Amino acid sequence: AYCDGKVFQADISALEDYRTKLMDARTVAFISLVWAENVRAYSSRSFNRPIWHGLLSNIQMQRAILTAQICLYLAVLLPFFS
């Protein structure tokens, strides 16, 4: 719904109110990227142990993920950063 299923820039530019739709699509992509990187950080901690083994044992990892989430929400929700 963000770009009405259009993929190419020429097609997106032809949409009515394309600037707002493109901005919304970029915001969704940014949020997805940050969340995916946070999940990847947890899932790639060990090659031979499952993800739930010692999930919250690394305090520095918890701080990094929390900081990434706070920065994400600041960047998305505060008009100064958008």
Protein backbone atom coordinates (compact mmCIF):
# COMPACT_ATOMS: atom_id res chain seq x y z
CA ALA A 1 0.00 0.00 0.00
CA TYR A 2 2.96 2.30 0.44
CA CYS A 3 3.81 2.51 -3.26
CA ASP A 4 0.73 0.68 -4.58
CA GLY A 5 2.80 -2.35 -5.59
CA LYS A 6 5.12 -0.36 -7.83
CA VAL A 7 8.81 -1.28 -7.82
CA PHE A 8 10.56 0.94 -10.34
CA GLN A 9 11.29 4.60 -9.62
CA ALA A 10 9.60 5.75 -12.84
CA ASP A 11 6.37 3.99 -11.85
CA ILE A 12 6.50 5.32 -8.30
CA SER A 13 7.08 8.88 -9.52
CA ALA A 14 3.90 8.66 -11.59
CA LEU A 15 1.74 7.95 -8.52
CA GLU A 16 -0.43 10.62 -6.97
CA ASP A 17 1.27 11.96 -3.81
CA TYR A 18 4.30 9.80 -4.54
CA ARG A 19 6.64 11.73 -2.22
CA THR A 20 4.62 10.85 0.88
CA LYS A 21 4.22 7.23 -0.20
CA LEU A 22 7.93 6.90 -0.93
CA MET A 23 8.83 8.45 2.43
CA ASP A 24 6.52 5.99 4.22
CA ALA A 25 8.03 3.06 2.33
CA ARG A 26 11.55 4.16 3.25
CA THR A 27 10.54 4.46 6.91
CA VAL A 28 9.11 0.94 6.90
CA ALA A 29 12.28 -0.37 5.22
CA PHE A 30 14.46 1.37 7.82
CA ILE A 31 12.45 -0.04 10.73
CA SER A 32 12.58 -3.53 9.20
CA LEU A 33 16.34 -3.27 8.71
CA VAL A 34 17.02 -2.28 12.33
CA TRP A 35 14.76 -5.01 13.72
CA ALA A 36 16.30 -7.62 11.41
CA GLU A 37 19.81 -6.65 12.49
CA ASN A 38 18.82 -6.93 16.15
CA VAL A 39 17.37 -10.40 15.57
CA ARG A 40 20.46 -11.38 13.59
CA ALA A 41 22.68 -10.25 16.45
CA TYR A 42 20.91 -12.64 18.80
CA SER A 43 20.79 -15.53 16.35
CA SER A 44 24.47 -15.33 15.37
CA ARG A 45 25.92 -15.32 18.88
CA SER A 46 26.92 -18.98 18.68
CA PHE A 47 27.30 -21.61 15.99
CA ASN A 48 26.76 -24.60 18.26
CA ARG A 49 24.22 -23.47 20.86
CA PRO A 50 20.54 -22.67 20.34
CA ILE A 51 19.37 -19.05 20.44
CA TRP A 52 17.53 -19.46 23.74
CA HIS A 53 20.62 -20.76 25.58
CA GLY A 54 21.94 -17.81 27.61
CA LEU A 55 19.74 -15.38 25.69
CA LEU A 56 19.96 -12.55 28.23
CA SER A 57 23.35 -13.39 29.74
CA ASN A 58 25.40 -10.80 27.83
CA ILE A 59 24.77 -7.38 29.41
CA GLN A 60 26.70 -5.49 26.72
CA MET A 61 24.56 -7.13 24.06
CA GLN A 62 21.39 -6.09 25.89
CA ARG A 63 22.64 -2.51 26.10
CA ALA A 64 23.53 -2.44 22.41
CA ILE A 65 20.12 -3.77 21.37
CA LEU A 66 18.33 -1.37 23.70
CA THR A 67 20.39 1.55 22.38
CA ALA A 68 19.62 0.54 18.79
CA GLN A 69 15.90 0.41 19.54
CA ILE A 70 15.92 3.77 21.31
CA CYS A 71 17.81 5.37 18.41
CA LEU A 72 15.37 3.80 15.96
CA TYR A 73 12.35 5.25 17.71
CA LEU A 74 14.01 8.64 18.13
CA ALA A 75 14.89 8.74 14.42
CA VAL A 76 11.40 7.71 13.34
CA LEU A 77 9.19 9.53 15.82
CA LEU A 78 10.93 12.85 16.43
CA PRO A 79 10.31 15.39 13.67
CA PHE A 80 13.77 16.89 14.22
CA PHE A 81 15.44 13.69 12.95
CA SER A 82 12.94 12.78 10.22
